[in-house]
């Protein structure tokens, strides 16, 4: 089997809605089924309860979704899930432990924890100035992802808060140094924002920030 490069690995990942409080421990869940010797493809761990959600490959393009307690005892199991229904059923399992239904789907590689997530795919260009969505979908704090091992924090805000004149602000912080972000950019469209988020996460897969001091 041909080995995937880190860039190829990242862009094959399936975008998922992962709400706050979950750490991606393992992620080889791809947008298209590929031949992979791994049995466990995806593992999420809840920071508070220690519960885990796992996806295992059962063969013949069928998958098993398990919810486990912190002590690894089985809570629930969804077996023989066809690939076409895998993501929908997986997100239902995750949301059962708390989470909104319209969060922006992201490719999140292993090692990242979702600290906060209220970022949606609502397009600000399509909203009237008096739309209620400005107050619900464009609060200041929208997304925080933390990579414990590499001491990174990916932060997304809308500024000014709830304002039709605002913009997304993306910052990548290392070692808590907000004065010298490793990445600092502005954008308006959610598709552009998703591209920039994924560009940063891809770089972490390639360990491009390992030698950065953030100072």
N, C-alpha and C. Protein backbone atom coordinates (compact mmCIF):
# COMPACT_ATOMS: atom_id res chain seq x y z
N UNK A 1 0.84 -1.20 0.00
CA UNK A 1 0.00 0.00 0.00
C UNK A 1 0.87 1.24 0.00
N UNK A 2 0.57 2.23 -0.87
CA UNK A 2 1.34 3.45 -0.94
C UNK A 2 1.12 4.28 0.33
N UNK A 3 2.21 4.77 0.91
CA UNK A 3 2.14 5.56 2.12
C UNK A 3 1.73 6.99 1.80
N UNK A 4 0.76 7.52 2.55
CA UNK A 4 0.32 8.89 2.34
C UNK A 4 1.33 9.87 2.92
N UNK A 5 1.60 10.97 2.18
CA UNK A 5 2.37 12.05 2.77
C UNK A 5 1.49 12.77 3.78
N UNK A 6 2.11 13.61 4.63
CA UNK A 6 1.33 14.31 5.63
C UNK A 6 0.32 15.27 5.00
N UNK A 7 0.70 15.90 3.87
CA UNK A 7 -0.24 16.80 3.18
C UNK A 7 -1.40 16.01 2.59
N UNK A 8 -1.10 14.87 1.97
CA UNK A 8 -2.16 14.04 1.40
C UNK A 8 -3.07 13.52 2.50
N UNK A 9 -2.49 13.12 3.61
CA UNK A 9 -3.27 12.64 4.76
C UNK A 9 -4.27 13.70 5.21
N UNK A 10 -3.79 14.93 5.36
CA UNK A 10 -4.67 15.97 5.89
C UNK A 10 -5.85 16.22 4.98
N UNK A 11 -5.61 16.40 3.69
CA UNK A 11 -6.69 16.77 2.78
C UNK A 11 -7.62 15.61 2.47
N UNK A 12 -7.29 14.40 2.88
CA UNK A 12 -8.20 13.27 2.74
C UNK A 12 -9.13 13.14 3.95
N UNK A 13 -8.81 13.83 5.05
CA UNK A 13 -9.66 13.73 6.23
C UNK A 13 -11.07 14.24 5.94
N UNK A 14 -12.04 13.61 6.58
CA UNK A 14 -13.44 14.01 6.41
C UNK A 14 -13.75 15.16 7.36
N UNK A 15 -14.27 16.29 6.87
CA UNK A 15 -14.70 17.36 7.78
C UNK A 15 -15.82 16.87 8.69
N UNK A 16 -15.73 17.23 9.97
CA UNK A 16 -16.70 16.78 10.95
C UNK A 16 -17.10 17.93 11.87
N UNK A 17 -18.32 17.85 12.41
CA UNK A 17 -18.75 18.76 13.45
C UNK A 17 -18.32 18.18 14.80
N UNK A 18 -17.33 18.80 15.41
CA UNK A 18 -16.85 18.36 16.72
C UNK A 18 -17.07 19.50 17.71
N UNK A 19 -17.98 19.35 18.66
CA UNK A 19 -18.28 20.44 19.60
C UNK A 19 -17.20 20.60 20.66
N UNK A 20 -17.35 21.62 21.47
CA UNK A 20 -16.37 21.92 22.52
C UNK A 20 -16.29 20.78 23.53
N UNK A 21 -15.09 20.60 24.05
CA UNK A 21 -14.87 19.62 25.11
C UNK A 21 -14.31 18.30 24.65
N UNK A 22 -14.08 18.14 23.34
CA UNK A 22 -13.58 16.88 22.81
C UNK A 22 -12.17 17.02 22.26
N UNK A 23 -11.35 16.01 22.52
CA UNK A 23 -9.99 15.94 22.00
C UNK A 23 -9.92 14.85 20.94
N UNK A 24 -9.34 15.19 19.79
CA UNK A 24 -9.15 14.20 18.73
C UNK A 24 -7.88 13.41 19.05
N UNK A 25 -8.05 12.16 19.45
CA UNK A 25 -6.92 11.31 19.82
C UNK A 25 -6.33 10.57 18.62
N UNK A 26 -7.18 10.25 17.67
CA UNK A 26 -6.75 9.55 16.46
C UNK A 26 -7.72 9.90 15.34
N UNK A 27 -7.18 10.15 14.14
CA UNK A 27 -8.07 10.49 13.03
C UNK A 27 -7.49 9.99 11.71
N UNK A 28 -8.08 8.91 11.23
CA UNK A 28 -7.81 8.38 9.89
C UNK A 28 -9.14 8.13 9.18
N UNK A 29 -10.09 9.03 9.46
CA UNK A 29 -11.42 8.93 8.86
C UNK A 29 -11.43 9.80 7.60
N UNK A 30 -11.41 9.15 6.46
CA UNK A 30 -11.21 9.87 5.20
C UNK A 30 -12.53 10.12 4.47
N UNK A 31 -12.50 11.11 3.56
CA UNK A 31 -13.70 11.45 2.80
C UNK A 31 -14.13 10.33 1.88
N UNK A 32 -13.17 9.57 1.39
CA UNK A 32 -13.47 8.40 0.58
C UNK A 32 -12.83 7.18 1.23
N UNK A 33 -13.52 6.05 1.23
CA UNK A 33 -12.93 4.85 1.84
C UNK A 33 -11.68 4.43 1.08
N UNK A 34 -10.60 4.19 1.80
CA UNK A 34 -9.38 3.72 1.18
C UNK A 34 -8.91 2.47 1.92
N UNK A 35 -8.05 1.71 1.27
CA UNK A 35 -7.50 0.52 1.91
C UNK A 35 -6.54 0.94 3.01
N UNK A 36 -6.83 0.56 4.23
CA UNK A 36 -6.03 0.98 5.37
C UNK A 36 -5.94 -0.19 6.34
N UNK A 37 -4.72 -0.55 6.78
CA UNK A 37 -4.58 -1.70 7.66
C UNK A 37 -5.08 -1.44 9.09
N UNK A 38 -5.35 -0.19 9.43
CA UNK A 38 -5.79 0.12 10.79
C UNK A 38 -7.21 -0.40 11.02
N UNK A 39 -7.47 -0.82 12.24
CA UNK A 39 -8.84 -1.20 12.61
C UNK A 39 -9.55 -0.01 13.24
N UNK A 40 -8.89 0.66 14.19
CA UNK A 40 -9.47 1.87 14.78
C UNK A 40 -9.08 3.07 13.94
N UNK A 41 -10.09 3.76 13.40
CA UNK A 41 -9.85 4.87 12.48
C UNK A 41 -10.00 6.23 13.13
N UNK A 42 -10.81 6.32 14.17
CA UNK A 42 -11.14 7.63 14.73
C UNK A 42 -11.45 7.47 16.21
N UNK A 43 -10.86 8.36 17.04
CA UNK A 43 -11.13 8.34 18.47
C UNK A 43 -11.24 9.76 19.00
N UNK A 44 -12.35 10.03 19.68
CA UNK A 44 -12.55 11.29 20.40
C UNK A 44 -12.60 10.98 21.89
N UNK A 45 -12.04 11.88 22.70
CA UNK A 45 -12.13 11.73 24.15
C UNK A 45 -12.68 13.02 24.76
N UNK A 46 -13.68 12.87 25.63
CA UNK A 46 -14.27 14.02 26.28
C UNK A 46 -13.40 14.45 27.46
N UNK A 47 -13.02 15.74 27.47
CA UNK A 47 -12.11 16.24 28.51
C UNK A 47 -12.70 16.14 29.91
N UNK A 48 -14.00 16.32 30.02
CA UNK A 48 -14.63 16.36 31.35
C UNK A 48 -14.95 14.96 31.87
N UNK A 49 -15.64 14.17 31.07
CA UNK A 49 -16.13 12.86 31.54
C UNK A 49 -15.16 11.72 31.26
N UNK A 50 -14.26 11.92 30.31
CA UNK A 50 -13.36 10.83 29.91
C UNK A 50 -14.01 9.84 28.95
N UNK A 51 -15.29 10.07 28.59
CA UNK A 51 -15.95 9.18 27.64
C UNK A 51 -15.27 9.27 26.28
N UNK A 52 -15.38 8.20 25.52
CA UNK A 52 -14.73 8.13 24.22
C UNK A 52 -15.72 7.71 23.14
N UNK A 53 -15.52 8.24 21.94
CA UNK A 53 -16.25 7.81 20.75
C UNK A 53 -15.22 7.25 19.78
N UNK A 54 -15.45 6.02 19.34
CA UNK A 54 -14.51 5.36 18.45
C UNK A 54 -15.21 4.87 17.19
N UNK A 55 -14.46 4.91 16.09
CA UNK A 55 -14.92 4.32 14.84
C UNK A 55 -13.93 3.24 14.44
N UNK A 56 -14.44 2.04 14.21
CA UNK A 56 -13.59 0.94 13.76
C UNK A 56 -14.07 0.43 12.41
N UNK A 57 -13.12 0.00 11.61
CA UNK A 57 -13.45 -0.59 10.31
C UNK A 57 -13.75 -2.07 10.50
N UNK A 58 -14.91 -2.50 10.02
CA UNK A 58 -15.33 -3.88 10.21
C UNK A 58 -15.16 -4.71 8.94
N UNK A 59 -14.69 -4.07 7.86
CA UNK A 59 -14.54 -4.79 6.59
C UNK A 59 -15.76 -4.63 5.71
N UNK A 60 -15.55 -4.82 4.40
CA UNK A 60 -16.64 -4.73 3.43
C UNK A 60 -17.36 -3.39 3.49
N UNK A 61 -16.58 -2.31 3.72
CA UNK A 61 -17.11 -0.95 3.79
C UNK A 61 -18.20 -0.80 4.85
N UNK A 62 -18.07 -1.54 5.93
CA UNK A 62 -18.96 -1.41 7.09
C UNK A 62 -18.12 -0.97 8.30
N UNK A 63 -18.76 -0.19 9.19
CA UNK A 63 -18.03 0.41 10.30
C UNK A 63 -18.80 0.22 11.60
N UNK A 64 -18.07 0.29 12.71
CA UNK A 64 -18.67 0.19 14.04
C UNK A 64 -18.39 1.49 14.78
N UNK A 65 -19.45 2.10 15.33
CA UNK A 65 -19.31 3.31 16.14
C UNK A 65 -19.59 2.93 17.59
N UNK A 66 -18.63 3.18 18.47
CA UNK A 66 -18.79 2.83 19.88
C UNK A 66 -18.68 4.06 20.77
N UNK A 67 -19.51 4.10 21.79
CA UNK A 67 -19.39 5.07 22.87
C UNK A 67 -18.93 4.31 24.11
N UNK A 68 -17.81 4.75 24.70
CA UNK A 68 -17.22 4.07 25.84
C UNK A 68 -17.14 5.00 27.04
N UNK A 69 -17.29 4.42 28.23
CA UNK A 69 -17.03 5.17 29.46
C UNK A 69 -15.53 5.35 29.63
N UNK A 70 -15.17 6.17 30.61
CA UNK A 70 -13.75 6.42 30.87
C UNK A 70 -13.00 5.14 31.24
N UNK A 71 -13.71 4.18 31.83
CA UNK A 71 -13.08 2.90 32.20
C UNK A 71 -13.16 1.87 31.07
N UNK A 72 -13.52 2.33 29.87
CA UNK A 72 -13.58 1.51 28.66
C UNK A 72 -14.77 0.56 28.60
N UNK A 73 -15.71 0.66 29.56
CA UNK A 73 -16.92 -0.14 29.47
C UNK A 73 -17.81 0.43 28.37
N UNK A 74 -18.53 -0.45 27.70
CA UNK A 74 -19.33 -0.06 26.54
C UNK A 74 -20.63 0.63 26.97
N UNK A 75 -20.90 1.79 26.38
CA UNK A 75 -22.15 2.51 26.61
C UNK A 75 -23.14 2.17 25.51
N UNK A 76 -22.69 2.26 24.27
CA UNK A 76 -23.56 1.95 23.13
C UNK A 76 -22.70 1.56 21.95
N UNK A 77 -23.33 0.88 21.00
CA UNK A 77 -22.61 0.43 19.81
C UNK A 77 -23.55 0.46 18.61
N UNK A 78 -23.05 1.00 17.52
CA UNK A 78 -23.79 1.05 16.26
C UNK A 78 -22.96 0.26 15.25
N UNK A 79 -23.34 -0.98 15.00
CA UNK A 79 -22.52 -1.86 14.17
C UNK A 79 -23.05 -1.92 12.73
N UNK A 80 -22.18 -2.42 11.85
CA UNK A 80 -22.53 -2.59 10.43
C UNK A 80 -23.04 -1.30 9.80
N UNK A 81 -22.43 -0.18 10.17
CA UNK A 81 -22.81 1.10 9.59
C UNK A 81 -22.18 1.23 8.20
N UNK A 82 -22.98 1.44 7.16
CA UNK A 82 -22.40 1.61 5.82
C UNK A 82 -21.67 2.94 5.72
N UNK A 83 -20.68 2.99 4.85
CA UNK A 83 -19.87 4.20 4.74
C UNK A 83 -20.73 5.43 4.44
N UNK A 84 -21.77 5.27 3.62
CA UNK A 84 -22.60 6.41 3.22
C UNK A 84 -23.31 7.05 4.41
N UNK A 85 -23.51 6.30 5.50
CA UNK A 85 -24.22 6.82 6.67
C UNK A 85 -23.28 7.09 7.85
N UNK A 86 -21.99 6.84 7.66
CA UNK A 86 -21.06 6.86 8.79
C UNK A 86 -20.97 8.24 9.44
N UNK A 87 -20.75 9.28 8.66
CA UNK A 87 -20.54 10.62 9.24
C UNK A 87 -21.80 11.11 9.94
N UNK A 88 -22.96 10.91 9.31
CA UNK A 88 -24.22 11.35 9.93
C UNK A 88 -24.44 10.66 11.27
N UNK A 89 -24.23 9.36 11.33
CA UNK A 89 -24.44 8.63 12.58
C UNK A 89 -23.38 9.00 13.62
N UNK A 90 -22.15 9.21 13.17
CA UNK A 90 -21.08 9.59 14.10
C UNK A 90 -21.37 10.94 14.72
N UNK A 91 -21.78 11.91 13.91
CA UNK A 91 -22.09 13.23 14.45
C UNK A 91 -23.29 13.19 15.39
N UNK A 92 -24.26 12.32 15.11
CA UNK A 92 -25.40 12.16 16.03
C UNK A 92 -24.92 11.65 17.38
N UNK A 93 -23.99 10.70 17.37
CA UNK A 93 -23.44 10.18 18.63
C UNK A 93 -22.72 11.27 19.41
N UNK A 94 -21.93 12.07 18.70
CA UNK A 94 -21.18 13.14 19.36
C UNK A 94 -22.13 14.19 19.93
N UNK A 95 -23.14 14.57 19.14
CA UNK A 95 -24.09 15.59 19.59
C UNK A 95 -24.93 15.11 20.75
N UNK A 96 -25.11 13.80 20.89
CA UNK A 96 -25.88 13.26 22.00
C UNK A 96 -25.24 13.64 23.34
N UNK A 97 -23.94 13.94 23.32
CA UNK A 97 -23.25 14.36 24.53
C UNK A 97 -23.18 15.87 24.65
N UNK A 98 -23.88 16.58 23.75
CA UNK A 98 -23.93 18.04 23.79
C UNK A 98 -23.25 18.66 22.60
N UNK A 99 -23.95 19.55 21.90
CA UNK A 99 -23.35 20.21 20.75
C UNK A 99 -24.42 20.71 19.79
N UNK A 100 -24.15 21.85 19.15
CA UNK A 100 -25.10 22.43 18.21
C UNK A 100 -25.13 21.64 16.92
N UNK A 101 -26.15 21.89 16.12
CA UNK A 101 -26.33 21.13 14.88
C UNK A 101 -25.78 21.84 13.65
N UNK A 102 -25.46 23.10 13.75
CA UNK A 102 -25.04 23.82 12.55
C UNK A 102 -23.61 24.34 12.64
N UNK A 103 -22.76 23.65 13.39
CA UNK A 103 -21.37 24.06 13.50
C UNK A 103 -20.64 23.84 12.18
N UNK A 104 -19.67 24.68 11.91
CA UNK A 104 -18.84 24.51 10.73
C UNK A 104 -18.04 23.22 10.84
N UNK A 105 -18.11 22.39 9.80
CA UNK A 105 -17.35 21.14 9.79
C UNK A 105 -15.88 21.43 9.47
N UNK A 106 -14.99 20.79 10.23
CA UNK A 106 -13.56 21.02 10.08
C UNK A 106 -12.80 19.71 10.01
N UNK A 107 -11.67 19.73 9.31
CA UNK A 107 -10.72 18.62 9.34
C UNK A 107 -9.79 18.86 10.53
N UNK A 108 -9.95 18.06 11.57
CA UNK A 108 -9.14 18.26 12.78
C UNK A 108 -8.25 17.02 12.98
N UNK A 109 -6.95 17.18 12.82
CA UNK A 109 -6.06 16.03 13.00
C UNK A 109 -5.85 15.70 14.47
N UNK A 110 -5.23 14.57 14.73
CA UNK A 110 -4.99 14.12 16.10
C UNK A 110 -4.14 15.13 16.87
N UNK A 111 -4.45 15.27 18.15
CA UNK A 111 -3.67 16.15 19.02
C UNK A 111 -4.37 17.43 19.39
N UNK A 112 -5.45 17.78 18.67
CA UNK A 112 -6.15 19.03 18.93
C UNK A 112 -7.38 18.81 19.81
N UNK A 113 -7.59 19.75 20.73
CA UNK A 113 -8.78 19.77 21.59
C UNK A 113 -9.65 20.96 21.19
N UNK A 114 -10.95 20.71 21.06
CA UNK A 114 -11.90 21.79 20.77
C UNK A 114 -12.29 22.43 22.10
N UNK A 115 -11.73 23.58 22.37
CA UNK A 115 -11.99 24.28 23.63
C UNK A 115 -13.32 25.02 23.57
N UNK A 116 -13.59 25.65 22.43
CA UNK A 116 -14.84 26.38 22.21
C UNK A 116 -15.18 26.31 20.73
N UNK A 117 -16.47 26.12 20.42
CA UNK A 117 -16.89 26.06 19.02
C UNK A 117 -18.32 26.54 18.89
N UNK A 118 -18.47 27.76 18.38
CA UNK A 118 -19.80 28.27 18.02
C UNK A 118 -19.75 28.83 16.60
N UNK A 119 -18.73 28.43 15.84
CA UNK A 119 -18.54 28.91 14.48
C UNK A 119 -19.47 28.16 13.53
N UNK A 120 -20.26 28.90 12.77
CA UNK A 120 -21.19 28.29 11.82
C UNK A 120 -20.76 28.64 10.40
N UNK A 121 -21.48 28.06 9.42
CA UNK A 121 -21.19 28.38 8.03
C UNK A 121 -22.11 29.47 7.49
N UNK A 122 -22.77 30.22 8.39
CA UNK A 122 -23.62 31.33 7.98
C UNK A 122 -22.79 32.36 7.22
N UNK A 123 -23.25 32.73 6.04
CA UNK A 123 -22.52 33.68 5.21
C UNK A 123 -22.95 35.11 5.55
N UNK A 124 -22.05 35.92 6.09
CA UNK A 124 -22.44 37.29 6.47
C UNK A 124 -22.87 38.14 5.29
N UNK A 125 -22.40 37.80 4.08
CA UNK A 125 -22.78 38.56 2.89
C UNK A 125 -24.25 38.39 2.55
N UNK A 126 -24.89 37.35 3.08
CA UNK A 126 -26.27 37.06 2.74
C UNK A 126 -27.26 37.51 3.82
N UNK A 127 -26.75 38.19 4.85
CA UNK A 127 -27.61 38.60 5.97
C UNK A 127 -28.03 40.06 5.84
N UNK A 128 -29.28 40.33 6.18
CA UNK A 128 -29.74 41.71 6.29
C UNK A 128 -29.14 42.34 7.55
N UNK A 129 -28.94 43.64 7.56
CA UNK A 129 -28.33 44.29 8.73
C UNK A 129 -29.08 44.06 10.03
N UNK A 130 -30.40 43.83 9.94
CA UNK A 130 -31.20 43.63 11.16
C UNK A 130 -31.46 42.15 11.45
N UNK A 131 -30.74 41.25 10.77
CA UNK A 131 -30.95 39.82 10.98
C UNK A 131 -30.56 39.40 12.40
N UNK A 132 -31.35 38.50 12.98
CA UNK A 132 -31.05 37.98 14.32
C UNK A 132 -29.78 37.15 14.34
N UNK A 133 -29.36 36.69 13.15
CA UNK A 133 -28.16 35.86 13.07
C UNK A 133 -26.90 36.60 13.48
N UNK A 134 -26.91 37.94 13.39
CA UNK A 134 -25.72 38.68 13.81
C UNK A 134 -25.44 38.46 15.29
N UNK A 135 -26.50 38.35 16.07
CA UNK A 135 -26.30 38.17 17.52
C UNK A 135 -26.09 36.70 17.90
N UNK A 136 -26.61 35.79 17.10
CA UNK A 136 -26.48 34.37 17.43
C UNK A 136 -25.21 33.74 16.84
N UNK A 137 -24.83 34.16 15.62
CA UNK A 137 -23.73 33.49 14.91
C UNK A 137 -22.44 34.29 14.83
N UNK A 138 -22.48 35.56 15.28
CA UNK A 138 -21.30 36.40 15.11
C UNK A 138 -20.90 37.08 16.42
N UNK A 139 -20.95 36.27 17.48
CA UNK A 139 -20.41 36.73 18.75
C UNK A 139 -18.88 36.78 18.65
N UNK A 140 -18.25 37.44 19.59
CA UNK A 140 -16.80 37.66 19.46
C UNK A 140 -16.02 36.35 19.44
N UNK A 141 -16.24 35.51 20.43
CA UNK A 141 -15.49 34.25 20.52
C UNK A 141 -16.23 33.17 19.73
N UNK A 142 -15.58 32.66 18.67
CA UNK A 142 -16.23 31.68 17.80
C UNK A 142 -15.57 30.31 17.85
N UNK A 143 -14.26 30.26 17.93
CA UNK A 143 -13.57 28.97 17.88
C UNK A 143 -12.23 29.05 18.61
N UNK A 144 -11.97 28.06 19.44
CA UNK A 144 -10.66 27.90 20.07
C UNK A 144 -10.26 26.43 19.99
N UNK A 145 -9.12 26.16 19.36
CA UNK A 145 -8.55 24.82 19.30
C UNK A 145 -7.19 24.85 19.98
N UNK A 146 -6.93 23.86 20.82
CA UNK A 146 -5.67 23.82 21.57
C UNK A 146 -4.90 22.55 21.25
N UNK A 147 -3.60 22.71 20.98
CA UNK A 147 -2.71 21.57 20.80
C UNK A 147 -1.74 21.55 21.98
N UNK A 148 -2.01 20.64 22.92
CA UNK A 148 -1.26 20.61 24.18
C UNK A 148 0.22 20.36 23.96
N UNK A 149 0.53 19.37 23.14
CA UNK A 149 1.92 18.95 22.97
C UNK A 149 2.78 20.05 22.34
N UNK A 150 2.22 20.78 21.38
CA UNK A 150 2.99 21.82 20.69
C UNK A 150 2.72 23.22 21.25
N UNK A 151 1.95 23.29 22.35
CA UNK A 151 1.68 24.56 23.05
C UNK A 151 1.07 25.60 22.11
N UNK A 152 0.11 25.18 21.28
CA UNK A 152 -0.51 26.05 20.30
C UNK A 152 -1.98 26.29 20.64
N UNK A 153 -2.45 27.50 20.32
CA UNK A 153 -3.86 27.84 20.45
C UNK A 153 -4.29 28.54 19.16
N UNK A 154 -5.27 27.96 18.49
CA UNK A 154 -5.86 28.57 17.30
C UNK A 154 -7.13 29.27 17.72
N UNK A 155 -7.19 30.58 17.51
CA UNK A 155 -8.29 31.40 18.01
C UNK A 155 -8.98 32.13 16.85
N UNK A 156 -10.33 32.03 16.81
CA UNK A 156 -11.12 32.71 15.79
C UNK A 156 -12.13 33.61 16.48
N UNK A 157 -12.18 34.88 16.05
CA UNK A 157 -13.14 35.84 16.59
C UNK A 157 -13.85 36.57 15.44
N UNK A 158 -15.02 37.13 15.76
CA UNK A 158 -15.67 38.07 14.85
C UNK A 158 -15.61 39.44 15.53
N UNK A 159 -15.05 40.41 14.82
CA UNK A 159 -14.85 41.71 15.45
C UNK A 159 -15.17 42.83 14.45
N UNK A 160 -15.92 43.88 14.87
CA UNK A 160 -16.59 44.02 16.16
C UNK A 160 -17.71 42.99 16.35
N UNK A 161 -17.93 42.62 17.57
CA UNK A 161 -18.90 41.58 17.90
C UNK A 161 -20.29 41.94 17.39
N UNK A 162 -20.94 40.97 16.71
CA UNK A 162 -22.33 41.09 16.24
C UNK A 162 -22.54 42.19 15.21
N UNK A 163 -21.48 42.72 14.63
CA UNK A 163 -21.59 43.86 13.72
C UNK A 163 -21.55 43.42 12.26
N UNK A 164 -22.48 43.93 11.41
CA UNK A 164 -22.42 43.65 9.97
C UNK A 164 -21.15 44.21 9.32
N UNK A 165 -20.49 45.13 9.99
CA UNK A 165 -19.25 45.72 9.47
C UNK A 165 -18.01 44.95 9.94
N UNK A 166 -18.22 43.83 10.59
CA UNK A 166 -17.10 43.10 11.18
C UNK A 166 -16.39 42.17 10.22
N UNK A 167 -15.47 41.38 10.79
CA UNK A 167 -14.68 40.42 10.02
C UNK A 167 -14.20 39.31 10.95
N UNK A 168 -13.82 38.19 10.35
CA UNK A 168 -13.19 37.12 11.11
C UNK A 168 -11.73 37.48 11.35
N UNK A 169 -11.25 37.17 12.54
CA UNK A 169 -9.84 37.36 12.88
C UNK A 169 -9.28 36.02 13.35
N UNK A 170 -8.26 35.54 12.66
CA UNK A 170 -7.61 34.27 13.00
C UNK A 170 -6.23 34.55 13.57
N UNK A 171 -5.94 33.96 14.71
CA UNK A 171 -4.61 34.06 15.30
C UNK A 171 -4.16 32.67 15.74
N UNK A 172 -2.90 32.38 15.55
CA UNK A 172 -2.28 31.17 16.09
C UNK A 172 -1.25 31.60 17.12
N UNK A 173 -1.46 31.17 18.35
CA UNK A 173 -0.63 31.59 19.47
C UNK A 173 0.20 30.41 19.96
N UNK A 174 1.47 30.69 20.26
CA UNK A 174 2.32 29.64 20.83
C UNK A 174 2.82 30.09 22.20
N UNK A 175 2.81 29.15 23.14
CA UNK A 175 3.29 29.41 24.51
C UNK A 175 2.58 30.59 25.17
N UNK A 176 1.32 30.83 24.79
CA UNK A 176 0.55 31.89 25.43
C UNK A 176 0.98 33.29 25.07
N UNK A 177 1.81 33.45 24.04
CA UNK A 177 2.32 34.76 23.68
C UNK A 177 1.42 35.43 22.64
N UNK A 178 0.44 36.21 23.12
CA UNK A 178 -0.50 36.88 22.23
C UNK A 178 0.13 38.09 21.54
N UNK A 179 1.27 38.56 22.03
CA UNK A 179 1.92 39.72 21.42
C UNK A 179 2.64 39.37 20.12
N UNK A 180 2.97 38.09 19.93
CA UNK A 180 3.69 37.68 18.72
C UNK A 180 3.04 36.42 18.14
N UNK A 181 1.85 36.55 17.56
CA UNK A 181 1.18 35.37 16.99
C UNK A 181 1.97 34.80 15.82
N UNK A 182 1.93 33.47 15.68
CA UNK A 182 2.59 32.82 14.54
C UNK A 182 1.81 33.03 13.25
N UNK A 183 0.50 33.15 13.37
CA UNK A 183 -0.37 33.47 12.24
C UNK A 183 -1.33 34.56 12.70
N UNK A 184 -1.60 35.51 11.81
CA UNK A 184 -2.49 36.62 12.15
C UNK A 184 -3.13 37.11 10.85
N UNK A 185 -4.41 36.83 10.65
CA UNK A 185 -5.04 37.19 9.38
C UNK A 185 -6.51 37.53 9.58
N UNK A 186 -7.05 38.28 8.62
CA UNK A 186 -8.44 38.69 8.62
C UNK A 186 -9.12 38.19 7.36
N UNK A 187 -10.41 37.85 7.46
CA UNK A 187 -11.19 37.49 6.28
C UNK A 187 -12.68 37.67 6.61
N UNK A 188 -13.53 37.60 5.58
CA UNK A 188 -14.95 37.85 5.76
C UNK A 188 -15.80 36.63 5.44
N UNK A 189 -15.46 35.89 4.39
CA UNK A 189 -16.30 34.79 3.94
C UNK A 189 -15.95 33.50 4.71
N UNK A 190 -16.97 32.72 5.17
CA UNK A 190 -16.70 31.49 5.92
C UNK A 190 -15.89 30.46 5.13
N UNK A 191 -16.05 30.42 3.81
CA UNK A 191 -15.26 29.46 3.02
C UNK A 191 -13.78 29.84 3.03
N UNK A 192 -13.51 31.13 2.96
CA UNK A 192 -12.13 31.60 3.05
C UNK A 192 -11.56 31.30 4.43
N UNK A 193 -12.39 31.50 5.46
CA UNK A 193 -11.95 31.22 6.82
C UNK A 193 -11.62 29.74 6.98
N UNK A 194 -12.51 28.87 6.48
CA UNK A 194 -12.27 27.42 6.58
C UNK A 194 -10.96 27.05 5.90
N UNK A 195 -10.69 27.67 4.74
CA UNK A 195 -9.43 27.40 4.03
C UNK A 195 -8.23 27.79 4.90
N UNK A 196 -8.29 28.96 5.54
CA UNK A 196 -7.17 29.42 6.36
C UNK A 196 -7.00 28.55 7.61
N UNK A 197 -8.12 28.14 8.21
CA UNK A 197 -8.03 27.24 9.37
C UNK A 197 -7.35 25.94 8.97
N UNK A 198 -7.77 25.37 7.85
CA UNK A 198 -7.20 24.11 7.39
C UNK A 198 -5.73 24.27 7.01
N UNK A 199 -5.36 25.43 6.46
CA UNK A 199 -3.96 25.67 6.13
C UNK A 199 -3.08 25.63 7.38
N UNK A 200 -3.59 26.20 8.47
CA UNK A 200 -2.85 26.18 9.74
C UNK A 200 -2.77 24.76 10.29
N UNK A 201 -3.89 24.05 10.30
CA UNK A 201 -3.90 22.69 10.84
C UNK A 201 -3.02 21.76 10.02
N UNK A 202 -2.99 21.97 8.71
CA UNK A 202 -2.11 21.17 7.84
C UNK A 202 -0.65 21.40 8.21
N UNK A 203 -0.29 22.65 8.50
CA UNK A 203 1.09 22.96 8.88
C UNK A 203 1.49 22.25 10.17
N UNK A 204 0.51 22.09 11.08
CA UNK A 204 0.84 21.38 12.32
C UNK A 204 1.10 19.91 12.04
N UNK A 205 0.39 19.34 11.06
CA UNK A 205 0.66 17.95 10.66
C UNK A 205 2.09 17.81 10.13
N UNK A 206 2.58 18.87 9.51
CA UNK A 206 3.93 18.86 8.95
C UNK A 206 4.96 19.38 9.94
N UNK A 207 4.51 19.68 11.18
CA UNK A 207 5.39 20.14 12.28
C UNK A 207 6.13 21.42 11.90
N UNK A 208 5.45 22.32 11.19
CA UNK A 208 6.11 23.55 10.77
C UNK A 208 6.23 24.56 11.88
N UNK A 209 5.49 24.36 12.99
CA UNK A 209 5.56 25.33 14.09
C UNK A 209 6.41 24.83 15.26
N UNK A 210 7.04 23.68 15.12
CA UNK A 210 7.77 23.08 16.24
C UNK A 210 8.90 23.97 16.71
N UNK A 211 9.63 24.57 15.78
CA UNK A 211 10.80 25.36 16.15
C UNK A 211 10.49 26.83 16.37
N UNK A 212 9.19 27.20 16.22
CA UNK A 212 8.81 28.58 16.44
C UNK A 212 8.67 28.84 17.94
N UNK A 213 9.21 29.96 18.38
CA UNK A 213 9.18 30.24 19.82
C UNK A 213 7.96 31.04 20.23
N UNK A 214 7.34 31.74 19.26
CA UNK A 214 6.21 32.59 19.60
C UNK A 214 6.64 33.77 20.43
N UNK A 215 7.85 34.22 20.20
CA UNK A 215 8.39 35.33 20.99
C UNK A 215 8.94 36.40 20.06
